[in-house]
Amino acid sequence: MNTRTPFSLLLGRSILGRVLAFRDEAVILWRAFWHPETPIYLKGATLFAALYLVSPIDLIPDFIPFAGWIDDLVLVPLMVSWIVRMLPPHVTAKPVRATVNRRY
């Protein structure tokens, strides 16, 4: 009996996991951008990542089929992950709703 997982399943899991992680990191980055205690250099890096994504100037031009999109699919998630890792912990913490115990 072969206990190896097919390469396509491993690749599929890692891509799906990376997409879900990128989605969560993008939400964290959006909230952190508007947080008043986020350092200005990280806000600038966030703007740079967003502008790089929509900019016509890339490391590999977009008119080259597929290769031009690969740098956007690789570099932008790497930039977002790096920025999220550099954020202070109190900026990335989720807000906690205060609960009140009422007696009836």
Protein backbone atom coordinates (compact mmCIF):
# COMPACT_ATOMS: atom_id res chain seq x y z
CA MET A 1 0.00 0.00 0.00
CA ASN A 2 1.33 3.37 -1.06
CA THR A 3 1.04 6.04 1.64
CA ARG A 4 2.30 8.93 -0.48
CA THR A 5 0.00 11.79 -1.27
CA PRO A 6 -0.14 12.69 -4.96
CA PHE A 7 1.75 15.84 -5.84
CA SER A 8 -1.38 17.49 -7.22
CA LEU A 9 -3.13 17.11 -3.85
CA LEU A 10 -0.19 18.64 -2.01
CA LEU A 11 -0.02 21.47 -4.51
CA GLY A 12 -3.75 22.04 -4.29
CA ARG A 13 -3.69 22.18 -0.50
CA SER A 14 -0.80 24.59 -0.38
CA ILE A 15 -2.32 26.90 -2.98
CA LEU A 16 -5.71 26.90 -1.27
CA GLY A 17 -4.07 27.47 2.11
CA ARG A 18 -2.01 30.32 0.70
CA VAL A 19 -5.09 31.93 -0.89
CA LEU A 20 -6.99 31.73 2.40
CA ALA A 21 -4.01 33.11 4.31
CA PHE A 22 -3.67 35.97 1.81
CA ARG A 23 -7.35 36.80 2.25
CA ASP A 24 -6.96 36.97 6.03
CA GLU A 25 -3.76 39.00 5.75
CA ALA A 26 -5.42 41.46 3.38
CA VAL A 27 -8.20 42.06 5.92
CA ILE A 28 -5.65 42.54 8.71
CA LEU A 29 -3.69 44.93 6.52
CA TRP A 30 -6.82 46.95 5.68
CA ARG A 31 -7.67 47.35 9.36
CA ALA A 32 -4.09 48.14 10.28
CA PHE A 33 -3.83 50.80 7.57
CA TRP A 34 -6.60 52.80 9.27
CA HIS A 35 -5.34 52.14 12.81
CA PRO A 36 -3.77 55.32 14.24
CA GLU A 37 -0.85 53.47 15.87
CA THR A 38 0.38 51.75 12.70
CA PRO A 39 3.87 53.04 11.84
CA ILE A 40 3.94 55.36 8.85
CA TYR A 41 6.56 53.28 7.00
CA LEU A 42 4.23 50.27 7.08
CA LYS A 43 1.38 52.39 5.75
CA GLY A 44 3.71 53.47 2.95
CA ALA A 45 4.65 49.85 2.25
CA THR A 46 0.94 48.99 2.10
CA LEU A 47 0.34 51.74 -0.44
CA PHE A 48 3.36 50.57 -2.45
CA ALA A 49 2.02 46.99 -2.58
CA ALA A 50 -1.39 48.19 -3.74
CA LEU A 51 0.08 50.53 -6.34
CA TYR A 52 2.46 47.83 -7.60
CA LEU A 53 -0.53 45.56 -8.18
CA VAL A 54 -2.35 48.08 -10.37
CA SER A 55 0.69 49.78 -11.88
CA PRO A 56 1.56 49.15 -15.53
CA ILE A 57 5.26 49.17 -14.53
CA ASP A 58 6.28 45.70 -13.31
CA LEU A 59 9.45 43.65 -13.03
CA ILE A 60 8.09 41.47 -15.83
CA PRO A 61 5.78 43.37 -18.20
CA ASP A 62 2.16 42.20 -18.23
CA PHE A 63 1.99 41.96 -22.01
CA ILE A 64 4.19 38.83 -21.87
CA PRO A 65 1.59 36.04 -21.61
CA PHE A 66 1.39 34.45 -18.15
CA ALA A 67 4.90 35.52 -17.10
CA GLY A 68 3.73 39.08 -16.52
CA TRP A 69 1.01 37.92 -14.15
CA ILE A 70 3.27 35.55 -12.24
CA ASP A 71 5.24 38.38 -10.63
CA ASP A 72 1.97 39.94 -9.43
CA LEU A 73 0.79 36.60 -8.04
CA VAL A 74 4.08 36.03 -6.20
CA LEU A 75 5.42 39.44 -5.17
CA VAL A 76 2.23 41.04 -3.87
CA PRO A 77 1.37 38.19 -1.45
CA LEU A 78 4.99 38.16 -0.27
CA MET A 79 4.87 41.92 0.37
CA VAL A 80 1.54 41.62 2.20
CA SER A 81 2.85 38.77 4.38
CA TRP A 82 5.97 40.74 5.25
CA ILE A 83 4.00 43.87 6.16
CA VAL A 84 1.59 41.90 8.36
CA ARG A 85 4.52 40.24 10.17
CA MET A 86 6.07 43.67 10.83
CA LEU A 87 2.89 45.14 12.37
CA PRO A 88 2.90 45.68 16.14
CA PRO A 89 0.87 43.04 18.01
CA HIS A 90 -1.59 45.52 19.48
CA VAL A 91 -2.47 46.73 15.98
CA THR A 92 -3.26 43.25 14.68
CA ALA A 93 -5.21 42.15 17.75
CA LYS A 94 -8.89 41.64 17.15
CA PRO A 95 -11.17 43.92 19.16
CA VAL A 96 -13.00 42.22 22.00
CA ARG A 97 -16.58 43.15 22.67
CA ALA A 98 -17.29 43.90 26.28
CA THR A 99 -20.06 41.83 27.78
CA VAL A 100 -22.30 42.94 30.58
CA ASN A 101 -23.85 40.44 32.96
CA ARG A 102 -27.40 41.53 33.67
CA ARG A 103 -29.58 40.28 36.45
CA TYR A 104 -33.24 39.94 35.70
